[in-house]
N, C-alpha and C. Protein backbone atom coordinates (compact mmCIF):
# COMPACT_ATOMS: atom_id res chain seq x y z
N MET A 1 -152.19 36.94 -78.43
CA MET A 1 -150.72 36.41 -77.61
C MET A 1 -150.26 35.51 -78.14
N LEU A 2 -149.11 35.88 -78.90
CA LEU A 2 -148.17 34.82 -79.12
C LEU A 2 -147.72 34.16 -78.55
N LYS A 3 -147.33 32.69 -78.53
CA LYS A 3 -146.80 31.84 -78.19
C LYS A 3 -145.34 31.63 -78.30
N LYS A 4 -144.43 31.62 -77.16
CA LYS A 4 -143.05 31.31 -77.36
C LYS A 4 -142.71 30.07 -77.95
N ILE A 5 -141.83 29.68 -78.20
CA ILE A 5 -141.09 28.29 -78.61
C ILE A 5 -140.25 28.08 -77.60
N SER A 6 -139.93 27.11 -76.77
CA SER A 6 -138.88 26.99 -75.76
C SER A 6 -137.61 26.73 -75.84
N SER A 7 -136.57 27.22 -75.11
CA SER A 7 -135.54 27.82 -75.28
C SER A 7 -134.97 26.41 -74.92
N ILE A 8 -135.50 25.87 -73.99
CA ILE A 8 -135.09 24.34 -73.28
C ILE A 8 -135.20 23.69 -74.67
N PRO A 9 -133.58 22.47 -74.76
CA PRO A 9 -133.25 21.25 -75.37
C PRO A 9 -134.78 20.49 -74.90
N PHE A 10 -135.53 19.79 -76.15
CA PHE A 10 -135.89 18.80 -75.90
C PHE A 10 -135.43 17.85 -75.18
N ALA A 11 -136.12 16.91 -74.14
CA ALA A 11 -135.74 15.77 -74.10
C ALA A 11 -136.72 14.66 -73.65
N GLY A 12 -136.88 14.20 -75.06
CA GLY A 12 -138.03 13.33 -75.04
C GLY A 12 -137.28 11.83 -74.66
N THR A 13 -137.73 10.81 -74.53
CA THR A 13 -137.51 9.39 -74.08
C THR A 13 -138.25 8.49 -75.00
N PRO A 14 -137.38 7.71 -75.06
CA PRO A 14 -137.93 6.37 -76.61
C PRO A 14 -139.23 5.99 -75.58
N GLU A 15 -139.75 5.84 -74.43
CA GLU A 15 -140.89 5.48 -73.93
C GLU A 15 -142.01 6.06 -74.31
N GLN A 16 -141.48 7.69 -74.47
CA GLN A 16 -143.01 9.13 -74.45
C GLN A 16 -143.09 8.53 -75.86
N GLU A 17 -142.22 8.53 -76.78
CA GLU A 17 -142.10 8.70 -78.50
C GLU A 17 -142.59 7.41 -79.16
N ALA A 18 -142.75 5.88 -78.48
CA ALA A 18 -143.52 4.92 -78.30
C ALA A 18 -145.03 5.09 -78.05
N GLU A 19 -145.39 5.84 -77.25
CA GLU A 19 -147.03 6.23 -76.53
C GLU A 19 -146.93 7.15 -77.69
N LEU A 20 -146.61 8.09 -78.05
CA LEU A 20 -146.70 9.16 -79.40
C LEU A 20 -147.42 8.23 -80.58
N LYS A 21 -146.65 7.37 -80.57
CA LYS A 21 -146.80 6.28 -81.87
C LYS A 21 -148.09 5.86 -81.93
N GLN A 22 -148.09 5.32 -80.68
CA GLN A 22 -149.76 4.03 -80.07
C GLN A 22 -151.19 5.29 -80.38
N VAL A 23 -150.76 6.08 -79.57
CA VAL A 23 -151.76 7.30 -80.18
C VAL A 23 -152.10 8.06 -81.38
N ILE A 24 -150.91 8.33 -82.26
CA ILE A 24 -151.21 8.27 -83.41
C ILE A 24 -151.95 7.21 -84.09
N ALA A 25 -151.25 5.71 -84.21
CA ALA A 25 -151.80 5.02 -84.95
C ALA A 25 -153.46 4.75 -84.23
N LYS A 26 -154.12 4.89 -83.20
CA LYS A 26 -154.71 5.16 -82.60
C LYS A 26 -156.10 5.94 -83.45
N HIS A 27 -155.48 7.19 -84.08
CA HIS A 27 -155.95 8.11 -84.52
C HIS A 27 -155.78 8.18 -86.19
N ILE A 28 -154.89 7.55 -86.76
CA ILE A 28 -155.03 7.64 -87.68
C ILE A 28 -155.85 7.65 -89.13
N ASP A 29 -156.85 6.88 -88.68
CA ASP A 29 -158.30 6.91 -89.80
C ASP A 29 -159.41 7.92 -89.95
N ASP A 30 -158.71 8.83 -88.34
CA ASP A 30 -160.24 9.37 -87.86
C ASP A 30 -160.05 11.04 -88.42
N PRO A 31 -161.26 11.51 -88.99
CA PRO A 31 -161.21 12.63 -89.64
C PRO A 31 -160.66 13.47 -88.56
N GLY A 32 -159.92 14.90 -88.44
CA GLY A 32 -159.83 15.87 -87.64
C GLY A 32 -159.13 15.24 -86.55
N ALA A 33 -158.00 13.92 -86.71
CA ALA A 33 -157.16 13.56 -85.63
C ALA A 33 -156.13 14.22 -85.43
N VAL A 34 -155.84 15.66 -86.07
CA VAL A 34 -154.76 16.39 -85.15
C VAL A 34 -155.06 16.89 -83.78
N MET A 35 -156.45 17.18 -84.00
CA MET A 35 -156.50 18.06 -82.34
C MET A 35 -156.74 17.20 -81.11
N PRO A 36 -157.38 15.74 -81.67
CA PRO A 36 -157.09 14.37 -80.19
C PRO A 36 -155.63 14.34 -80.09
N VAL A 37 -154.95 14.18 -81.11
CA VAL A 37 -153.61 13.84 -80.60
C VAL A 37 -152.43 14.78 -80.22
N LEU A 38 -153.26 16.29 -80.71
CA LEU A 38 -152.20 16.56 -79.76
C LEU A 38 -152.68 17.05 -78.14
N GLN A 39 -154.17 16.95 -77.87
CA GLN A 39 -154.27 16.31 -76.62
C GLN A 39 -153.30 15.56 -75.69
N GLU A 40 -153.17 14.39 -76.57
CA GLU A 40 -152.47 12.96 -75.91
C GLU A 40 -151.32 13.53 -75.79
N ALA A 41 -150.84 13.88 -77.15
CA ALA A 41 -149.06 14.65 -77.05
C ALA A 41 -148.81 15.20 -75.71
N GLN A 42 -149.96 16.55 -75.28
CA GLN A 42 -149.23 16.97 -74.49
C GLN A 42 -149.52 16.75 -73.05
N ASP A 43 -150.39 15.24 -72.98
CA ASP A 43 -150.13 14.90 -71.95
C ASP A 43 -149.26 13.90 -71.11
N ILE A 44 -148.74 13.06 -72.88
CA ILE A 44 -147.69 12.31 -72.55
C ILE A 44 -146.37 13.21 -72.22
N TYR A 45 -146.34 14.26 -73.15
CA TYR A 45 -145.16 15.34 -72.58
C TYR A 45 -144.85 16.37 -71.83
N GLY A 46 -146.38 17.04 -71.60
CA GLY A 46 -146.16 17.95 -70.47
C GLY A 46 -146.28 19.07 -71.52
N TYR A 47 -145.84 19.33 -72.97
CA TYR A 47 -145.96 20.71 -73.99
C TYR A 47 -145.86 19.91 -74.63
N LEU A 48 -145.95 21.45 -76.18
CA LEU A 48 -145.50 20.42 -77.52
C LEU A 48 -144.40 21.25 -78.24
N PRO A 49 -143.46 20.65 -78.49
CA PRO A 49 -142.15 21.17 -78.79
C PRO A 49 -142.80 20.62 -80.07
N ILE A 50 -141.57 21.59 -80.87
CA ILE A 50 -142.03 21.26 -82.52
C ILE A 50 -141.39 20.00 -82.56
N GLU A 51 -140.48 19.16 -82.10
CA GLU A 51 -140.45 17.71 -82.25
C GLU A 51 -141.26 16.84 -81.86
N VAL A 52 -142.58 17.33 -81.47
CA VAL A 52 -143.47 16.46 -81.16
C VAL A 52 -144.43 16.61 -82.22
N GLN A 53 -144.47 18.07 -82.35
CA GLN A 53 -145.35 18.45 -83.61
C GLN A 53 -144.95 17.83 -84.70
N THR A 54 -143.70 17.69 -84.83
CA THR A 54 -143.30 16.99 -86.78
C THR A 54 -143.50 15.41 -86.73
N MET A 55 -142.98 14.78 -85.33
CA MET A 55 -143.57 13.59 -84.95
C MET A 55 -144.67 13.29 -85.35
N ILE A 56 -146.14 14.18 -85.00
CA ILE A 56 -147.75 14.01 -85.60
C ILE A 56 -147.78 14.46 -86.31
N ALA A 57 -146.99 15.18 -87.23
CA ALA A 57 -147.65 15.36 -88.49
C ALA A 57 -146.85 14.24 -90.16
N GLU A 58 -145.95 13.82 -89.36
CA GLU A 58 -144.76 12.83 -90.11
C GLU A 58 -146.28 12.09 -89.91
N GLY A 59 -146.48 11.62 -88.78
CA GLY A 59 -147.09 10.17 -88.37
C GLY A 59 -148.76 10.16 -88.91
N LEU A 60 -149.13 11.59 -89.19
CA LEU A 60 -151.02 11.58 -89.39
C LEU A 60 -150.94 11.72 -90.84
N ASN A 61 -149.63 12.11 -91.80
CA ASN A 61 -149.27 12.88 -93.27
C ASN A 61 -150.28 13.54 -92.94
N VAL A 62 -149.84 14.77 -92.22
CA VAL A 62 -150.63 15.43 -92.74
C VAL A 62 -149.59 17.40 -92.48
N PRO A 63 -149.39 18.32 -93.09
CA PRO A 63 -148.55 19.28 -93.18
C PRO A 63 -148.34 19.69 -91.65
N LEU A 64 -146.68 20.04 -91.49
CA LEU A 64 -146.36 20.77 -90.47
C LEU A 64 -147.24 21.52 -89.85
N GLU A 65 -147.51 22.88 -90.86
CA GLU A 65 -148.05 24.01 -90.47
C GLU A 65 -149.40 23.91 -90.29
N GLU A 66 -150.31 22.49 -90.39
CA GLU A 66 -151.37 22.50 -89.98
C GLU A 66 -151.53 22.13 -88.15
N VAL A 67 -150.42 21.18 -87.98
CA VAL A 67 -150.61 20.99 -86.68
C VAL A 67 -149.34 21.77 -85.70
N TYR A 68 -148.83 22.94 -86.49
CA TYR A 68 -148.77 23.93 -85.59
C TYR A 68 -149.50 24.99 -85.45
N GLY A 69 -150.19 25.51 -86.59
CA GLY A 69 -151.97 25.90 -86.41
C GLY A 69 -153.11 25.57 -85.30
N VAL A 70 -153.16 24.30 -85.49
CA VAL A 70 -153.85 24.26 -84.05
C VAL A 70 -153.17 24.36 -82.95
N SER A 71 -151.97 23.70 -82.73
CA SER A 71 -151.05 23.80 -81.64
C SER A 71 -150.91 25.55 -80.99
N THR A 72 -151.06 26.52 -81.77
CA THR A 72 -150.86 27.78 -81.19
C THR A 72 -152.18 28.68 -81.06
N PHE A 73 -153.04 27.87 -81.95
CA PHE A 73 -153.95 28.81 -81.90
C PHE A 73 -155.31 28.55 -80.36
N TYR A 74 -155.43 27.21 -79.97
CA TYR A 74 -155.92 26.74 -78.93
C TYR A 74 -154.76 27.63 -77.61
N SER A 75 -155.59 28.12 -76.47
CA SER A 75 -155.11 27.73 -75.79
C SER A 75 -154.35 26.83 -74.44
N GLN A 76 -155.47 25.55 -74.66
CA GLN A 76 -154.76 24.90 -74.04
C GLN A 76 -153.65 24.28 -74.09
N PHE A 77 -153.08 24.28 -75.28
CA PHE A 77 -152.02 23.70 -75.87
C PHE A 77 -150.68 24.93 -75.66
N ALA A 78 -149.49 23.78 -74.85
CA ALA A 78 -148.43 24.79 -74.57
C ALA A 78 -147.33 24.49 -75.54
N LEU A 79 -146.39 25.28 -75.71
CA LEU A 79 -145.44 25.08 -76.59
C LEU A 79 -143.79 25.06 -75.92
N SER A 80 -144.19 25.76 -74.38
CA SER A 80 -143.35 25.45 -73.98
C SER A 80 -143.34 24.54 -72.53
N PRO A 81 -142.47 24.39 -71.80
CA PRO A 81 -142.35 23.35 -70.77
C PRO A 81 -142.69 23.98 -69.31
N LYS A 82 -143.89 23.51 -68.54
CA LYS A 82 -144.27 24.02 -67.70
C LYS A 82 -143.53 23.90 -66.49
N GLY A 83 -143.27 24.95 -65.69
CA GLY A 83 -142.38 24.61 -63.97
C GLY A 83 -143.07 23.71 -62.98
N LYS A 84 -142.39 23.31 -62.07
CA LYS A 84 -142.96 22.76 -61.15
C LYS A 84 -144.15 23.67 -60.47
N TYR A 85 -143.42 24.96 -60.34
CA TYR A 85 -144.56 26.10 -59.99
C TYR A 85 -145.07 26.89 -61.54
N ASN A 86 -145.98 26.19 -61.87
CA ASN A 86 -146.38 27.74 -62.78
C ASN A 86 -147.44 28.54 -62.41
N ILE A 87 -146.58 29.82 -62.78
CA ILE A 87 -147.00 31.28 -62.01
C ILE A 87 -147.54 31.87 -63.08
N SER A 88 -149.15 32.00 -63.23
CA SER A 88 -149.83 32.74 -64.06
C SER A 88 -150.75 34.27 -63.59
N VAL A 89 -149.99 34.59 -64.51
CA VAL A 89 -150.17 36.61 -64.34
C VAL A 89 -151.56 37.04 -65.36
N CYS A 90 -152.65 37.41 -63.87
CA CYS A 90 -153.69 37.69 -65.04
C CYS A 90 -153.63 39.54 -65.87
N MET A 91 -153.67 39.03 -66.80
CA MET A 91 -153.70 40.08 -68.09
C MET A 91 -155.03 41.03 -68.10
N GLY A 92 -155.79 40.36 -67.51
CA GLY A 92 -157.22 40.99 -68.02
C GLY A 92 -157.07 42.62 -67.75
N THR A 93 -158.53 43.15 -67.94
CA THR A 93 -158.26 44.47 -67.97
C THR A 93 -158.33 45.32 -66.41
N ALA A 94 -159.10 44.36 -65.58
CA ALA A 94 -159.02 44.82 -63.69
C ALA A 94 -157.42 44.44 -63.29
N CYS A 95 -156.49 43.88 -64.07
CA CYS A 95 -155.61 43.71 -63.50
C CYS A 95 -154.72 44.41 -63.69
N TYR A 96 -154.78 44.36 -64.91
CA TYR A 96 -154.03 45.31 -65.88
C TYR A 96 -154.09 46.59 -65.10
N VAL A 97 -154.93 47.41 -65.34
CA VAL A 97 -155.49 49.10 -65.10
C VAL A 97 -155.06 49.37 -63.17
N LYS A 98 -154.86 47.95 -62.34
CA LYS A 98 -154.28 47.95 -61.03
C LYS A 98 -152.45 47.53 -61.13
N GLY A 99 -152.11 46.96 -62.45
CA GLY A 99 -150.61 47.07 -62.13
C GLY A 99 -150.15 45.87 -62.44
N SER A 100 -150.96 44.84 -62.90
CA SER A 100 -150.57 43.67 -63.27
C SER A 100 -148.82 43.59 -64.06
N GLY A 101 -149.25 44.26 -64.82
CA GLY A 101 -147.93 44.68 -65.95
C GLY A 101 -146.76 44.43 -64.54
N GLU A 102 -146.66 45.60 -64.06
CA GLU A 102 -145.51 45.46 -63.13
C GLU A 102 -145.18 44.34 -62.24
N VAL A 103 -146.03 44.06 -62.29
CA VAL A 103 -146.35 42.55 -61.03
C VAL A 103 -144.96 41.73 -61.94
N LEU A 104 -145.63 41.75 -63.46
CA LEU A 104 -144.98 40.71 -64.68
C LEU A 104 -144.02 41.01 -64.67
N ASP A 105 -143.43 42.05 -64.83
CA ASP A 105 -141.81 42.29 -64.91
C ASP A 105 -141.38 42.31 -63.45
N LYS A 106 -141.78 42.37 -62.62
CA LYS A 106 -140.86 41.87 -61.43
C LYS A 106 -140.72 40.82 -61.19
N LEU A 107 -142.29 39.51 -61.63
CA LEU A 107 -141.26 38.41 -61.52
C LEU A 107 -140.53 37.97 -62.81
N SER A 108 -140.38 38.58 -63.81
CA SER A 108 -139.32 37.89 -65.05
C SER A 108 -138.10 38.56 -64.10
N GLU A 109 -137.94 40.17 -63.77
CA GLU A 109 -137.13 40.10 -62.94
C GLU A 109 -136.14 39.41 -62.12
N GLU A 110 -137.12 38.07 -60.82
CA GLU A 110 -136.61 37.61 -60.29
C GLU A 110 -136.39 36.37 -60.69
N LEU A 111 -137.24 36.02 -61.51
CA LEU A 111 -137.10 34.56 -62.24
C LEU A 111 -136.16 34.33 -63.41
N GLY A 112 -135.65 35.61 -63.72
CA GLY A 112 -134.76 35.57 -65.22
C GLY A 112 -135.56 34.93 -66.59
N ILE A 113 -136.79 34.97 -66.33
CA ILE A 113 -137.03 34.66 -67.55
C ILE A 113 -138.58 35.68 -68.04
N GLY A 114 -138.68 35.10 -68.97
CA GLY A 114 -139.92 36.02 -69.42
C GLY A 114 -141.68 35.31 -69.95
N ALA A 115 -142.34 35.60 -69.96
CA ALA A 115 -143.78 35.37 -70.15
C ALA A 115 -143.63 34.04 -71.39
N GLU A 116 -144.39 32.94 -71.06
CA GLU A 116 -144.44 31.92 -71.75
C GLU A 116 -142.49 30.97 -71.34
N GLU A 117 -142.07 31.12 -70.79
CA GLU A 117 -140.89 30.99 -70.66
C GLU A 117 -140.58 30.04 -69.50
N CYS A 118 -139.35 28.97 -69.43
CA CYS A 118 -139.41 28.43 -68.08
C CYS A 118 -137.91 28.46 -67.59
N THR A 119 -137.99 28.36 -66.27
CA THR A 119 -136.33 28.38 -65.82
C THR A 119 -135.80 27.01 -65.89
N LEU A 120 -134.51 27.41 -66.22
CA LEU A 120 -133.43 26.15 -66.32
C LEU A 120 -133.67 25.09 -65.64
N ASP A 121 -133.81 25.59 -64.24
CA ASP A 121 -134.03 24.02 -63.70
C ASP A 121 -135.51 23.93 -63.46
N GLY A 122 -136.25 24.31 -64.22
CA GLY A 122 -137.70 23.74 -64.22
C GLY A 122 -138.82 24.10 -62.94
N GLN A 123 -138.05 24.75 -62.10
CA GLN A 123 -138.98 25.00 -60.37
C GLN A 123 -139.96 25.93 -61.35
N PHE A 124 -139.80 26.80 -62.29
CA PHE A 124 -140.86 28.01 -62.64
C PHE A 124 -141.22 28.22 -63.55
N SER A 125 -142.55 28.41 -64.01
CA SER A 125 -142.93 29.17 -65.32
C SER A 125 -143.62 29.79 -65.56
N LEU A 126 -143.64 31.45 -66.08
CA LEU A 126 -144.38 32.26 -66.43
C LEU A 126 -145.40 32.44 -67.20
N THR A 127 -146.64 32.28 -67.11
CA THR A 127 -147.49 32.62 -68.37
C THR A 127 -148.19 34.10 -68.27
N ALA A 128 -148.11 35.16 -69.12
CA ALA A 128 -149.45 35.84 -68.86
C ALA A 128 -150.95 35.03 -69.35
N CYS A 129 -151.69 35.66 -68.91
CA CYS A 129 -153.36 35.30 -69.22
C CYS A 129 -153.92 36.13 -69.11
N ARG A 130 -155.12 35.93 -70.03
CA ARG A 130 -156.23 36.83 -70.13
C ARG A 130 -157.06 36.45 -69.02
N CYS A 131 -158.04 37.02 -68.53
CA CYS A 131 -159.02 36.86 -67.28
C CYS A 131 -159.27 35.87 -66.55
N ILE A 132 -158.88 35.76 -65.20
CA ILE A 132 -158.81 34.38 -64.70
C ILE A 132 -160.37 34.29 -63.82
N GLY A 133 -161.23 35.76 -63.75
CA GLY A 133 -162.32 35.66 -62.64
C GLY A 133 -162.22 36.15 -61.10
N ALA A 134 -161.04 36.96 -61.39
CA ALA A 134 -160.83 37.37 -59.52
C ALA A 134 -160.67 38.82 -59.63
N CYS A 135 -161.47 39.30 -60.59
CA CYS A 135 -161.04 40.90 -60.53
C CYS A 135 -161.37 42.03 -59.71
N GLY A 136 -162.21 41.33 -58.57
CA GLY A 136 -162.31 41.96 -56.84
C GLY A 136 -161.09 42.17 -56.48
N LEU A 137 -159.87 41.06 -56.91
CA LEU A 137 -159.03 41.26 -56.34
C LEU A 137 -157.78 41.43 -57.05
N ALA A 138 -157.87 42.29 -58.17
CA ALA A 138 -156.90 42.43 -58.84
C ALA A 138 -155.71 43.25 -58.14
N PRO A 139 -154.76 43.51 -58.53
CA PRO A 139 -154.12 42.60 -59.64
C PRO A 139 -154.15 41.03 -59.30
N VAL A 140 -154.17 40.52 -59.94
CA VAL A 140 -153.91 38.93 -59.14
C VAL A 140 -152.87 37.77 -60.38
N ILE A 141 -152.40 36.92 -59.42
CA ILE A 141 -151.36 35.61 -59.96
C ILE A 141 -151.91 34.46 -58.90
N THR A 142 -151.31 33.30 -60.29
CA THR A 142 -151.83 31.74 -59.60
C THR A 142 -150.16 31.42 -59.40
N ILE A 143 -150.50 30.50 -58.13
CA ILE A 143 -148.76 29.80 -58.43
C ILE A 143 -149.47 28.00 -58.47
N ASN A 144 -149.53 27.65 -59.22
CA ASN A 144 -150.24 26.38 -59.18
C ASN A 144 -151.94 26.36 -58.99
N ASP A 145 -152.41 26.15 -58.01
CA ASP A 145 -153.63 26.43 -57.59
C ASP A 145 -153.81 27.40 -56.21
N ASP A 146 -152.90 27.98 -56.10
CA ASP A 146 -152.55 29.09 -54.90
C ASP A 146 -152.88 30.38 -55.87
N VAL A 147 -153.75 31.41 -55.27
CA VAL A 147 -154.11 32.75 -55.16
C VAL A 147 -153.49 33.63 -54.66
N TYR A 148 -152.99 34.68 -55.72
CA TYR A 148 -152.56 35.51 -54.21
C TYR A 148 -153.13 37.24 -55.63
N GLY A 149 -154.24 37.49 -54.08
CA GLY A 149 -154.66 39.14 -54.95
C GLY A 149 -154.11 40.58 -54.42
N ARG A 150 -154.67 41.74 -54.89
CA ARG A 150 -154.28 42.93 -54.31
C ARG A 150 -152.84 42.98 -54.08
N LEU A 151 -152.17 42.59 -55.59
CA LEU A 151 -150.54 42.53 -55.04
C LEU A 151 -149.75 43.87 -55.76
N THR A 152 -148.74 44.00 -55.22
CA THR A 152 -147.80 45.04 -55.61
C THR A 152 -146.55 44.33 -56.43
N ALA A 153 -145.83 44.86 -57.05
CA ALA A 153 -144.52 44.47 -57.41
C ALA A 153 -143.42 44.14 -56.19
N ASP A 154 -143.32 44.74 -55.20
CA ASP A 154 -142.37 44.82 -53.96
C ASP A 154 -143.05 43.38 -53.12
N MET A 155 -144.40 42.93 -53.23
CA MET A 155 -144.63 41.69 -52.71
C MET A 155 -144.01 40.50 -53.29
N ILE A 156 -143.75 40.11 -54.62
CA ILE A 156 -143.12 39.34 -55.42
C ILE A 156 -142.02 38.52 -54.75
N PRO A 157 -140.80 38.74 -54.58
CA PRO A 157 -139.70 38.21 -53.83
C PRO A 157 -140.04 37.52 -52.92
N GLY A 158 -141.53 38.02 -51.73
CA GLY A 158 -141.41 37.46 -50.57
C GLY A 158 -143.14 36.32 -51.14
N ILE A 159 -143.32 36.39 -52.02
CA ILE A 159 -144.35 35.05 -52.36
C ILE A 159 -143.53 34.16 -53.17
N LEU A 160 -142.34 34.50 -53.36
CA LEU A 160 -141.76 33.83 -54.37
C LEU A 160 -140.81 32.85 -53.76
N ALA A 161 -140.46 33.10 -52.19
CA ALA A 161 -139.78 32.37 -51.32
C ALA A 161 -140.33 31.39 -51.01
N LYS A 162 -141.53 31.25 -50.51
CA LYS A 162 -142.22 30.03 -50.49
C LYS A 162 -141.62 28.89 -51.08
N TYR A 163 -141.59 29.26 -52.36
CA TYR A 163 -141.84 28.29 -53.55
C TYR A 163 -140.09 27.87 -53.86
N LYS A 164 -139.25 28.70 -53.03
CA LYS A 164 -137.97 28.08 -53.93
C LYS A 164 -137.36 26.55 -53.04
N ASP A 165 -136.80 26.00 -53.54
CA ASP A 165 -136.65 24.73 -52.82
C ASP A 165 -134.73 25.22 -51.55
């Protein structure tokens, strides 16, 4: 599944940049430094926008393509910011067969965003993920640590209402 690059403008702070530079300096001589630097950068920023990837590439003196390749290959890395409420829709076989595509479509319609995007107010992000291991409850979504199963698309507005401020 392709990762989307965020449409939300990057808003890093000077403090975050200083912290990232310290992380890069700590790993500058380590072989294979890209992976641990990306992990720590995501802890600092919450995601890995192209601006952060560029700082890492320049700081480690490696091609941006290498940094981008690692950040898009591993599912642990996000190129888009996560909302206060991160919604994951299971697209595994059992969930998909039982209607998770319609659930994802309804979430997208209600939130005004697509998969791998975040609402402009930062309240919700939406992710289409692989199997989350709750096949008996298919189709399933998680909202942060809350699990909702045996869903239909018409249940989505009521579920979202619980999280709207």
